[in-house]
Amino acid sequence: MSHIIKKNPPLSPLWSLASPAQLCIRVWEDDETAVVYDARSGDTHLIEPLGLAILSLLRDEPHNIASINLQLTSLYAPEDHVSIFDLIPTVLRDMHDVGLIVEIPA
């Protein structure tokens, strides 16, 4: 008798703000971009709308990519979902690379 062992798919990591108290986010009403000042490094980062939406989600609590996709569904038109969701991993990695967010292993 053979036994088939099924492995659970790997859990996706959670993403969180690196240091919420040290980040200052400024958004102008007449512009689609924002700036984030990181008091730890002294760096200021220009953030596009998708990055800003992700930072706003992560301000409240950590999320994985599936949760971010689900939360952002209501912010974008259905015809934009595929292109936006394809960009989320890149935006997360870019914000991680500059130290705005951290990856929490699942």
PDB file of N, CA and C in Angstrom:
ATOM      1  N   MET A   1       0.849  -1.175   0.000  1.00  0.00           N
ATOM      2  CA  MET A   1       0.000   0.000   0.000  1.00  0.00           C
ATOM      3  C   MET A   1       0.895   1.238   0.000  1.00  0.00           C
ATOM      4  N   SER A   2       0.684   2.105  -0.960  1.00  0.00           N
ATOM      5  CA  SER A   2       1.495   3.312  -1.013  1.00  0.00           C
ATOM      6  C   SER A   2       0.729   4.465  -0.380  1.00  0.00           C
ATOM      7  N   HIS A   3       1.475   5.313   0.214  1.00  0.00           N
ATOM      8  CA  HIS A   3       0.889   6.504   0.850  1.00  0.00           C
ATOM      9  C   HIS A   3       1.353   7.730   0.094  1.00  0.00           C
ATOM     10  N   ILE A   4       0.421   8.541  -0.214  1.00  0.00           N
ATOM     11  CA  ILE A   4       0.741   9.793  -0.876  1.00  0.00           C
ATOM     12  C   ILE A   4       0.728  10.880   0.186  1.00  0.00           C
ATOM     13  N   ILE A   5       1.832  11.557   0.280  1.00  0.00           N
ATOM     14  CA  ILE A   5       1.925  12.626   1.253  1.00  0.00           C
ATOM     15  C   ILE A   5       1.762  13.945   0.508  1.00  0.00           C
ATOM     16  N   LYS A   6       0.754  14.668   0.908  1.00  0.00           N
ATOM     17  CA  LYS A   6       0.526  15.971   0.303  1.00  0.00           C
ATOM     18  C   LYS A   6       1.204  17.034   1.154  1.00  0.00           C
ATOM     19  N   LYS A   7       1.928  17.878   0.491  1.00  0.00           N
ATOM     20  CA  LYS A   7       2.550  18.988   1.190  1.00  0.00           C
ATOM     21  C   LYS A   7       1.662  20.211   1.054  1.00  0.00           C
ATOM     22  N   ASN A   8       1.559  20.952   2.137  1.00  0.00           N
ATOM     23  CA  ASN A   8       0.818  22.197   2.075  1.00  0.00           C
ATOM     24  C   ASN A   8       1.626  23.207   1.272  1.00  0.00           C
ATOM     25  N   PRO A   9       0.946  24.036   0.505  1.00  0.00           N
ATOM     26  CA  PRO A   9       1.700  25.054  -0.226  1.00  0.00           C
ATOM     27  C   PRO A   9       2.362  26.003   0.769  1.00  0.00           C
ATOM     28  N   PRO A  10       3.495  26.548   0.409  1.00  0.00           N
ATOM     29  CA  PRO A  10       4.155  27.461   1.334  1.00  0.00           C
ATOM     30  C   PRO A  10       3.282  28.684   1.585  1.00  0.00           C
ATOM     31  N   LEU A  11       3.262  29.130   2.812  1.00  0.00           N
ATOM     32  CA  LEU A  11       2.495  30.314   3.152  1.00  0.00           C
ATOM     33  C   LEU A  11       3.243  31.547   2.656  1.00  0.00           C
ATOM     34  N   SER A  12       2.487  32.480   2.176  1.00  0.00           N
ATOM     35  CA  SER A  12       3.157  33.694   1.713  1.00  0.00           C
ATOM     36  C   SER A  12       3.490  34.558   2.925  1.00  0.00           C
ATOM     37  N   PRO A  13       4.584  35.278   2.839  1.00  0.00           N
ATOM     38  CA  PRO A  13       4.999  36.102   3.980  1.00  0.00           C
ATOM     39  C   PRO A  13       4.034  37.260   4.205  1.00  0.00           C
ATOM     40  N   LEU A  14       4.053  37.762   5.412  1.00  0.00           N
ATOM     41  CA  LEU A  14       3.314  38.973   5.728  1.00  0.00           C
ATOM     42  C   LEU A  14       4.235  40.166   5.485  1.00  0.00           C
ATOM     43  N   TRP A  15       3.641  41.269   5.168  1.00  0.00           N
ATOM     44  CA  TRP A  15       4.379  42.514   4.980  1.00  0.00           C
ATOM     45  C   TRP A  15       3.877  43.519   5.998  1.00  0.00           C
ATOM     46  N   SER A  16       4.794  44.291   6.557  1.00  0.00           N
ATOM     47  CA  SER A  16       4.448  45.266   7.584  1.00  0.00           C
ATOM     48  C   SER A  16       5.295  46.523   7.395  1.00  0.00           C
ATOM     49  N   LEU A  17       4.816  47.660   7.909  1.00  0.00           N
ATOM     50  CA  LEU A  17       5.638  48.862   7.893  1.00  0.00           C
ATOM     51  C   LEU A  17       6.877  48.599   8.738  1.00  0.00           C
ATOM     52  N   ALA A  18       8.008  49.090   8.288  1.00  0.00           N
ATOM     53  CA  ALA A  18       9.263  48.844   8.995  1.00  0.00           C
ATOM     54  C   ALA A  18       9.271  49.528  10.357  1.00  0.00           C
ATOM     55  N   SER A  19       8.849  50.733  10.416  1.00  0.00           N
ATOM     56  CA  SER A  19       8.852  51.498  11.665  1.00  0.00           C
ATOM     57  C   SER A  19       7.804  52.605  11.557  1.00  0.00           C
ATOM     58  N   PRO A  20       6.548  52.271  11.821  1.00  0.00           N
ATOM     59  CA  PRO A  20       5.463  53.231  11.584  1.00  0.00           C
ATOM     60  C   PRO A  20       5.662  54.588  12.254  1.00  0.00           C
ATOM     61  N   ALA A  21       6.200  54.596  13.447  1.00  0.00           N
ATOM     62  CA  ALA A  21       6.376  55.859  14.162  1.00  0.00           C
ATOM     63  C   ALA A  21       7.442  56.741  13.513  1.00  0.00           C
ATOM     64  N   GLN A  22       8.287  56.162  12.674  1.00  0.00           N
ATOM     65  CA  GLN A  22       9.381  56.904  12.052  1.00  0.00           C
ATOM     66  C   GLN A  22       9.081  57.321  10.612  1.00  0.00           C
ATOM     67  N   LEU A  23       7.887  56.976  10.124  1.00  0.00           N
ATOM     68  CA  LEU A  23       7.511  57.323   8.751  1.00  0.00           C
ATOM     69  C   LEU A  23       6.497  58.458   8.757  1.00  0.00           C
ATOM     70  N   CYS A  24       6.759  59.468   7.967  1.00  0.00           N
ATOM     71  CA  CYS A  24       5.837  60.582   7.806  1.00  0.00           C
ATOM     72  C   CYS A  24       5.374  60.579   6.350  1.00  0.00           C
ATOM     73  N   ILE A  25       4.073  60.392   6.147  1.00  0.00           N
ATOM     74  CA  ILE A  25       3.517  60.318   4.794  1.00  0.00           C
ATOM     75  C   ILE A  25       2.762  61.610   4.506  1.00  0.00           C
ATOM     76  N   ARG A  26       3.064  62.211   3.373  1.00  0.00           N
ATOM     77  CA  ARG A  26       2.407  63.460   2.971  1.00  0.00           C
ATOM     78  C   ARG A  26       1.800  63.264   1.588  1.00  0.00           C
ATOM     79  N   VAL A  27       0.496  63.551   1.503  1.00  0.00           N
ATOM     80  CA  VAL A  27      -0.235  63.418   0.245  1.00  0.00           C
ATOM     81  C   VAL A  27      -0.845  64.782  -0.083  1.00  0.00           C
ATOM     82  N   TRP A  28      -0.718  65.206  -1.333  1.00  0.00           N
ATOM     83  CA  TRP A  28      -1.330  66.443  -1.790  1.00  0.00           C
ATOM     84  C   TRP A  28      -2.604  66.086  -2.535  1.00  0.00           C
ATOM     85  N   GLU A  29      -3.648  66.863  -2.302  1.00  0.00           N
ATOM     86  CA  GLU A  29      -4.943  66.589  -2.920  1.00  0.00           C
ATOM     87  C   GLU A  29      -4.920  66.688  -4.436  1.00  0.00           C
ATOM     88  N   ASP A  30      -4.096  67.560  -4.980  1.00  0.00           N
ATOM     89  CA  ASP A  30      -4.093  67.776  -6.422  1.00  0.00           C
ATOM     90  C   ASP A  30      -3.082  66.904  -7.166  1.00  0.00           C
ATOM     91  N   ASP A  31      -2.501  65.940  -6.484  1.00  0.00           N
ATOM     92  CA  ASP A  31      -1.487  65.091  -7.101  1.00  0.00           C
ATOM     93  C   ASP A  31      -1.784  63.631  -6.752  1.00  0.00           C
ATOM     94  N   GLU A  32      -1.406  62.732  -7.614  1.00  0.00           N
ATOM     95  CA  GLU A  32      -1.639  61.314  -7.362  1.00  0.00           C
ATOM     96  C   GLU A  32      -0.492  60.644  -6.629  1.00  0.00           C
ATOM     97  N   THR A  33       0.582  61.367  -6.411  1.00  0.00           N
ATOM     98  CA  THR A  33       1.726  60.788  -5.723  1.00  0.00           C
ATOM     99  C   THR A  33       1.809  61.320  -4.298  1.00  0.00           C
ATOM    100  N   ALA A  34       2.662  60.696  -3.522  1.00  0.00           N
ATOM    101  CA  ALA A  34       2.888  61.103  -2.141  1.00  0.00           C
ATOM    102  C   ALA A  34       4.375  61.014  -1.869  1.00  0.00           C
ATOM    103  N   VAL A  35       4.786  61.608  -0.773  1.00  0.00           N
ATOM    104  CA  VAL A  35       6.159  61.438  -0.329  1.00  0.00           C
ATOM    105  C   VAL A  35       6.137  60.813   1.056  1.00  0.00           C
ATOM    106  N   VAL A  36       7.147  59.990   1.297  1.00  0.00           N
ATOM    107  CA  VAL A  36       7.304  59.360   2.606  1.00  0.00           C
ATOM    108  C   VAL A  36       8.689  59.731   3.104  1.00  0.00           C
ATOM    109  N   TYR A  37       8.719  60.352   4.277  1.00  0.00           N
ATOM    110  CA  TYR A  37       9.992  60.680   4.912  1.00  0.00           C
ATOM    111  C   TYR A  37      10.262  59.623   5.970  1.00  0.00           C
ATOM    112  N   ASP A  38      11.428  59.014   5.904  1.00  0.00           N
ATOM    113  CA  ASP A  38      11.851  57.993   6.864  1.00  0.00           C
ATOM    114  C   ASP A  38      12.850  58.651   7.816  1.00  0.00           C
ATOM    115  N   ALA A  39      12.415  58.923   9.052  1.00  0.00           N
ATOM    116  CA  ALA A  39      13.264  59.614  10.019  1.00  0.00           C
ATOM    117  C   ALA A  39      14.485  58.778  10.413  1.00  0.00           C
ATOM    118  N   ARG A  40      14.402  57.474  10.268  1.00  0.00           N
ATOM    119  CA  ARG A  40      15.548  56.621  10.626  1.00  0.00           C
ATOM    120  C   ARG A  40      16.718  56.853   9.690  1.00  0.00           C
ATOM    121  N   SER A  41      16.443  56.956   8.408  1.00  0.00           N
ATOM    122  CA  SER A  41      17.511  57.101   7.419  1.00  0.00           C
ATOM    123  C   SER A  41      17.694  58.542   6.940  1.00  0.00           C
ATOM    124  N   GLY A  42      16.666  59.370   7.140  1.00  0.00           N
ATOM    125  CA  GLY A  42      16.694  60.727   6.616  1.00  0.00           C
ATOM    126  C   GLY A  42      16.309  60.803   5.153  1.00  0.00           C
ATOM    127  N   ASP A  43      15.884  59.680   4.577  1.00  0.00           N
ATOM    128  CA  ASP A  43      15.524  59.622   3.157  1.00  0.00           C
ATOM    129  C   ASP A  43      14.056  59.993   2.943  1.00  0.00           C
ATOM    130  N   THR A  44      13.799  60.606   1.807  1.00  0.00           N
ATOM    131  CA  THR A  44      12.444  60.911   1.376  1.00  0.00           C
ATOM    132  C   THR A  44      12.188  60.150   0.086  1.00  0.00           C
ATOM    133  N   HIS A  45      11.032  59.500   0.004  1.00  0.00           N
ATOM    134  CA  HIS A  45      10.707  58.647  -1.139  1.00  0.00           C
ATOM    135  C   HIS A  45       9.431  59.132  -1.811  1.00  0.00           C
ATOM    136  N   LEU A  46       9.446  59.196  -3.124  1.00  0.00           N
ATOM    137  CA  LEU A  46       8.260  59.506  -3.910  1.00  0.00           C
ATOM    138  C   LEU A  46       7.495  58.199  -4.103  1.00  0.00           C
ATOM    139  N   ILE A  47       6.219  58.203  -3.740  1.00  0.00           N
ATOM    140  CA  ILE A  47       5.405  56.985  -3.781  1.00  0.00           C
ATOM    141  C   ILE A  47       4.243  57.180  -4.741  1.00  0.00           C
ATOM    142  N   GLU A  48       4.089  56.232  -5.650  1.00  0.00           N
ATOM    143  CA  GLU A  48       2.976  56.241  -6.603  1.00  0.00           C
ATOM    144  C   GLU A  48       1.684  55.796  -5.895  1.00  0.00           C
ATOM    145  N   PRO A  49       0.515  55.996  -6.525  1.00  0.00           N
ATOM    146  CA  PRO A  49      -0.762  55.664  -5.883  1.00  0.00           C
ATOM    147  C   PRO A  49      -0.875  54.216  -5.372  1.00  0.00           C
ATOM    148  N   LEU A  50      -0.395  53.249  -6.154  1.00  0.00           N
ATOM    149  CA  LEU A  50      -0.496  51.860  -5.694  1.00  0.00           C
ATOM    150  C   LEU A  50       0.349  51.644  -4.435  1.00  0.00           C
ATOM    151  N   GLY A  51       1.545  52.185  -4.411  1.00  0.00           N
ATOM    152  CA  GLY A  51       2.387  52.073  -3.227  1.00  0.00           C
ATOM    153  C   GLY A  51       1.753  52.737  -2.022  1.00  0.00           C
ATOM    154  N   LEU A  52       1.125  53.884  -2.234  1.00  0.00           N
ATOM    155  CA  LEU A  52       0.450  54.584  -1.149  1.00  0.00           C
ATOM    156  C   LEU A  52      -0.711  53.753  -0.599  1.00  0.00           C
ATOM    157  N   ALA A  53      -1.472  53.138  -1.496  1.00  0.00           N
ATOM    158  CA  ALA A  53      -2.584  52.280  -1.051  1.00  0.00           C
ATOM    159  C   ALA A  53      -2.063  51.115  -0.217  1.00  0.00           C
ATOM    160  N   ILE A  54      -0.952  50.530  -0.632  1.00  0.00           N
ATOM    161  CA  ILE A  54      -0.368  49.411   0.113  1.00  0.00           C
ATOM    162  C   ILE A  54       0.147  49.891   1.470  1.00  0.00           C
ATOM    163  N   LEU A  55       0.853  51.025   1.500  1.00  0.00           N
ATOM    164  CA  LEU A  55       1.336  51.561   2.774  1.00  0.00           C
ATOM    165  C   LEU A  55       0.179  51.841   3.728  1.00  0.00           C
ATOM    166  N   SER A  56      -0.918  52.349   3.194  1.00  0.00           N
ATOM    167  CA  SER A  56      -2.090  52.631   4.032  1.00  0.00           C
ATOM    168  C   SER A  56      -2.647  51.355   4.654  1.00  0.00           C
ATOM    169  N   LEU A  57      -2.685  50.291   3.869  1.00  0.00           N
ATOM    170  CA  LEU A  57      -3.144  49.002   4.409  1.00  0.00           C
ATOM    171  C   LEU A  57      -2.208  48.491   5.501  1.00  0.00           C
ATOM    172  N   LEU A  58      -0.919  48.591   5.241  1.00  0.00           N
ATOM    173  CA  LEU A  58       0.062  48.055   6.173  1.00  0.00           C
ATOM    174  C   LEU A  58       0.177  48.900   7.435  1.00  0.00           C
ATOM    175  N   ARG A  59      -0.305  50.114   7.393  1.00  0.00           N
ATOM    176  CA  ARG A  59      -0.289  50.966   8.589  1.00  0.00           C
ATOM    177  C   ARG A  59      -1.161  50.365   9.688  1.00  0.00           C
ATOM    178  N   ASP A  60      -2.256  49.717   9.300  1.00  0.00           N
ATOM    179  CA  ASP A  60      -3.194  49.150  10.271  1.00  0.00           C
ATOM    180  C   ASP A  60      -2.750  47.798  10.819  1.00  0.00           C
ATOM    181  N   GLU A  61      -2.229  46.958   9.926  1.00  0.00           N
ATOM    182  CA  GLU A  61      -1.796  45.616  10.339  1.00  0.00           C
ATOM    183  C   GLU A  61      -1.037  44.958   9.190  1.00  0.00           C
ATOM    184  N   PRO A  62      -0.224  43.937   9.491  1.00  0.00           N
ATOM    185  CA  PRO A  62       0.487  43.219   8.420  1.00  0.00           C
ATOM    186  C   PRO A  62      -0.496  42.489   7.504  1.00  0.00           C
ATOM    187  N   HIS A  63      -0.114  42.361   6.246  1.00  0.00           N
ATOM    188  CA  HIS A  63      -0.921  41.649   5.252  1.00  0.00           C
ATOM    189  C   HIS A  63      -0.010  40.806   4.372  1.00  0.00           C
ATOM    190  N   ASN A  64      -0.570  39.705   3.838  1.00  0.00           N
ATOM    191  CA  ASN A  64       0.143  38.969   2.795  1.00  0.00           C
ATOM    192  C   ASN A  64      -0.370  39.457   1.442  1.00  0.00           C
ATOM    193  N   ILE A  65       0.236  38.970   0.377  1.00  0.00           N
ATOM    194  CA  ILE A  65      -0.145  39.453  -0.959  1.00  0.00           C
ATOM    195  C   ILE A  65      -1.614  39.179  -1.266  1.00  0.00           C
ATOM    196  N   ALA A  66      -2.105  38.012  -0.887  1.00  0.00           N
ATOM    197  CA  ALA A  66      -3.518  37.688  -1.163  1.00  0.00           C
ATOM    198  C   ALA A  66      -4.448  38.673  -0.460  1.00  0.00           C
ATOM    199  N   SER A  67      -4.132  39.016   0.766  1.00  0.00           N
ATOM    200  CA  SER A  67      -4.943  39.970   1.521  1.00  0.00           C
ATOM    201  C   SER A  67      -4.858  41.374   0.905  1.00  0.00           C
ATOM    202  N   ILE A  68      -3.672  41.765   0.475  1.00  0.00           N
ATOM    203  CA  ILE A  68      -3.514  43.062  -0.183  1.00  0.00           C
ATOM    204  C   ILE A  68      -4.357  43.099  -1.461  1.00  0.00           C
ATOM    205  N   ASN A  69      -4.282  42.033  -2.256  1.00  0.00           N
ATOM    206  CA  ASN A  69      -5.100  41.952  -3.479  1.00  0.00           C
ATOM    207  C   ASN A  69      -6.574  42.129  -3.151  1.00  0.00           C
ATOM    208  N   LEU A  70      -7.040  41.408  -2.144  1.00  0.00           N
ATOM    209  CA  LEU A  70      -8.449  41.456  -1.760  1.00  0.00           C
ATOM    210  C   LEU A  70      -8.847  42.857  -1.303  1.00  0.00           C
ATOM    211  N   GLN A  71      -8.029  43.471  -0.482  1.00  0.00           N
ATOM    212  CA  GLN A  71      -8.335  44.808   0.033  1.00  0.00           C
ATOM    213  C   GLN A  71      -8.343  45.865  -1.072  1.00  0.00           C
ATOM    214  N   LEU A  72      -7.459  45.716  -2.052  1.00  0.00           N
ATOM    215  CA  LEU A  72      -7.363  46.718  -3.116  1.00  0.00           C
ATOM    216  C   LEU A  72      -8.425  46.553  -4.195  1.00  0.00           C
ATOM    217  N   THR A  73      -9.109  45.435  -4.212  1.00  0.00           N
ATOM    218  CA  THR A  73     -10.138  45.179  -5.216  1.00  0.00           C
ATOM    219  C   THR A  73     -11.161  46.301  -5.266  1.00  0.00           C
ATOM    220  N   SER A  74     -11.533  46.817  -4.106  1.00  0.00           N
ATOM    221  CA  SER A  74     -12.562  47.859  -4.071  1.00  0.00           C
ATOM    222  C   SER A  74     -12.047  49.221  -4.521  1.00  0.00           C
ATOM    223  N   LEU A  75     -10.727  49.402  -4.585  1.00  0.00           N
ATOM    224  CA  LEU A  75     -10.162  50.703  -4.950  1.00  0.00           C
ATOM    225  C   LEU A  75      -9.950  50.888  -6.443  1.00  0.00           C
ATOM    226  N   TYR A  76      -9.936  49.803  -7.186  1.00  0.00           N
ATOM    227  CA  TYR A  76      -9.622  49.881  -8.615  1.00  0.00           C
ATOM    228  C   TYR A  76     -10.746  49.284  -9.446  1.00  0.00           C
ATOM    229  N   ALA A  77     -10.934  49.822 -10.632  1.00  0.00           N
ATOM    230  CA  ALA A  77     -11.953  49.317 -11.549  1.00  0.00           C
ATOM    231  C   ALA A  77     -11.613  47.880 -11.944  1.00  0.00           C
ATOM    232  N   PRO A  78     -12.626  47.055 -12.159  1.00  0.00           N
ATOM    233  CA  PRO A  78     -12.377  45.654 -12.509  1.00  0.00           C
ATOM    234  C   PRO A  78     -11.428  45.465 -13.694  1.00  0.00           C
ATOM    235  N   GLU A  79     -11.481  46.343 -14.678  1.00  0.00           N
ATOM    236  CA  GLU A  79     -10.600  46.176 -15.840  1.00  0.00           C
ATOM    237  C   GLU A  79      -9.131  46.443 -15.481  1.00  0.00           C
ATOM    238  N   ASP A  80      -8.884  47.101 -14.358  1.00  0.00           N
ATOM    239  CA  ASP A  80      -7.508  47.376 -13.920  1.00  0.00           C
ATOM    240  C   ASP A  80      -6.948  46.299 -12.994  1.00  0.00           C
ATOM    241  N   HIS A  81      -7.787  45.393 -12.513  1.00  0.00           N
ATOM    242  CA  HIS A  81      -7.356  44.424 -11.505  1.00  0.00           C
ATOM    243  C   HIS A  81      -6.149  43.602 -11.926  1.00  0.00           C
ATOM    244  N   VAL A  82      -6.156  43.065 -13.119  1.00  0.00           N
ATOM    245  CA  VAL A  82      -5.061  42.195 -13.545  1.00  0.00           C
ATOM    246  C   VAL A  82      -3.742  42.958 -13.579  1.00  0.00           C
ATOM    247  N   SER A  83      -3.739  44.122 -14.182  1.00  0.00           N
ATOM    248  CA  SER A  83      -2.483  44.867 -14.280  1.00  0.00           C
ATOM    249  C   SER A  83      -2.014  45.359 -12.916  1.00  0.00           C
ATOM    250  N   ILE A  84      -2.917  45.803 -12.070  1.00  0.00           N
ATOM    251  CA  ILE A  84      -2.551  46.271 -10.731  1.00  0.00           C
ATOM    252  C   ILE A  84      -2.006  45.114  -9.903  1.00  0.00           C
ATOM    253  N   PHE A  85      -2.687  43.991  -9.934  1.00  0.00           N
ATOM    254  CA  PHE A  85      -2.275  42.861  -9.097  1.00  0.00           C
ATOM    255  C   PHE A  85      -0.951  42.264  -9.565  1.00  0.00           C
ATOM    256  N   ASP A  86      -0.651  42.399 -10.841  1.00  0.00           N
ATOM    257  CA  ASP A  86       0.655  41.948 -11.328  1.00  0.00           C
ATOM    258  C   ASP A  86       1.783  42.831 -10.795  1.00  0.00           C
ATOM    259  N   LEU A  87       1.469  44.077 -10.485  1.00  0.00           N
ATOM    260  CA  LEU A  87       2.476  45.022 -10.005  1.00  0.00           C
ATOM    261  C   LEU A  87       2.742  44.933  -8.499  1.00  0.00           C
ATOM    262  N   ILE A  88       1.809  44.390  -7.740  1.00  0.00           N
ATOM    263  CA  ILE A  88       1.932  44.391  -6.277  1.00  0.00           C
ATOM    264  C   ILE A  88       3.236  43.764  -5.787  1.00  0.00           C
ATOM    265  N   PRO A  89       3.644  42.579  -6.263  1.00  0.00           N
ATOM    266  CA  PRO A  89       4.919  42.027  -5.770  1.00  0.00           C
ATOM    267  C   PRO A  89       6.118  42.940  -6.033  1.00  0.00           C
ATOM    268  N   THR A  90       6.123  43.613  -7.178  1.00  0.00           N
ATOM    269  CA  THR A  90       7.224  44.529  -7.501  1.00  0.00           C
ATOM    270  C   THR A  90       7.213  45.738  -6.570  1.00  0.00           C
ATOM    271  N   VAL A  91       6.043  46.286  -6.332  1.00  0.00           N
ATOM    272  CA  VAL A  91       5.927  47.446  -5.442  1.00  0.00           C
ATOM    273  C   VAL A  91       6.361  47.057  -4.028  1.00  0.00           C
ATOM    274  N   LEU A  92       5.942  45.883  -3.568  1.00  0.00           N
ATOM    275  CA  LEU A  92       6.357  45.420  -2.234  1.00  0.00           C
ATOM    276  C   LEU A  92       7.873  45.288  -2.157  1.00  0.00           C
ATOM    277  N   ARG A  93       8.461  44.677  -3.164  1.00  0.00           N
ATOM    278  CA  ARG A  93       9.920  44.481  -3.165  1.00  0.00           C
ATOM    279  C   ARG A  93      10.652  45.822  -3.209  1.00  0.00           C
ATOM    280  N   ASP A  94      10.148  46.761  -4.013  1.00  0.00           N
ATOM    281  CA  ASP A  94      10.782  48.082  -4.090  1.00  0.00           C
ATOM    282  C   ASP A  94      10.730  48.803  -2.746  1.00  0.00           C
ATOM    283  N   MET A  95       9.577  48.757  -2.083  1.00  0.00           N
ATOM    284  CA  MET A  95       9.455  49.428  -0.783  1.00  0.00           C
ATOM    285  C   MET A  95      10.294  48.716   0.277  1.00  0.00           C
ATOM    286  N   HIS A  96      10.427  47.413   0.144  1.00  0.00           N
ATOM    287  CA  HIS A  96      11.297  46.652   1.049  1.00  0.00           C
ATOM    288  C   HIS A  96      12.750  47.042   0.840  1.00  0.00           C
ATOM    289  N   ASP A  97      13.148  47.165  -0.415  1.00  0.00           N
ATOM    290  CA  ASP A  97      14.543  47.481  -0.728  1.00  0.00           C
ATOM    291  C   ASP A  97      14.992  48.834  -0.176  1.00  0.00           C
ATOM    292  N   VAL A  98      14.063  49.780  -0.041  1.00  0.00           N
ATOM    293  CA  VAL A  98      14.428  51.088   0.514  1.00  0.00           C
ATOM    294  C   VAL A  98      14.127  51.197   2.011  1.00  0.00           C
ATOM    295  N   GLY A  99      13.654  50.103   2.595  1.00  0.00           N
ATOM    296  CA  GLY A  99      13.485  50.051   4.045  1.00  0.00           C
ATOM    297  C   GLY A  99      12.163  50.553   4.595  1.00  0.00           C
ATOM    298  N   LEU A 100      11.174  50.766   3.720  1.00  0.00           N
ATOM    299  CA  LEU A 100       9.876  51.253   4.220  1.00  0.00           C
ATOM    300  C   LEU A 100       9.033  50.141   4.826  1.00  0.00           C
ATOM    301  N   ILE A 101       9.171  48.923   4.293  1.00  0.00           N
ATOM    302  CA  ILE A 101       8.408  47.784   4.810  1.00  0.00           C
ATOM    303  C   ILE A 101       9.351  46.615   5.078  1.00  0.00           C
ATOM    304  N   VAL A 102       8.865  45.695   5.903  1.00  0.00           N
ATOM    305  CA  VAL A 102       9.637  44.496   6.206  1.00  0.00           C
ATOM    306  C   VAL A 102       8.792  43.269   5.887  1.00  0.00           C
ATOM    307  N   GLU A 103       9.488  42.206   5.563  1.00  0.00           N
ATOM    308  CA  GLU A 103       8.841  40.929   5.275  1.00  0.00           C
ATOM    309  C   GLU A 103       8.901  40.085   6.539  1.00  0.00           C
ATOM    310  N   ILE A 104       7.737  39.570   6.939  1.00  0.00           N
ATOM    311  CA  ILE A 104       7.643  38.717   8.121  1.00  0.00           C
ATOM    312  C   ILE A 104       7.388  37.295   7.620  1.00  0.00           C
ATOM    313  N   PRO A 105       8.352  36.383   7.778  1.00  0.00           N
ATOM    314  CA  PRO A 105       8.146  35.025   7.275  1.00  0.00           C
ATOM    315  C   PRO A 105       6.900  34.378   7.890  1.00  0.00           C
ATOM    316  N   ALA A 106       6.160  33.661   7.059  1.00  0.00           N
ATOM    317  CA  ALA A 106       4.937  32.995   7.539  1.00  0.00           C
ATOM    318  C   ALA A 106       5.276  31.737   8.309  1.00  0.00           C
TER     319      ALA A 106
END
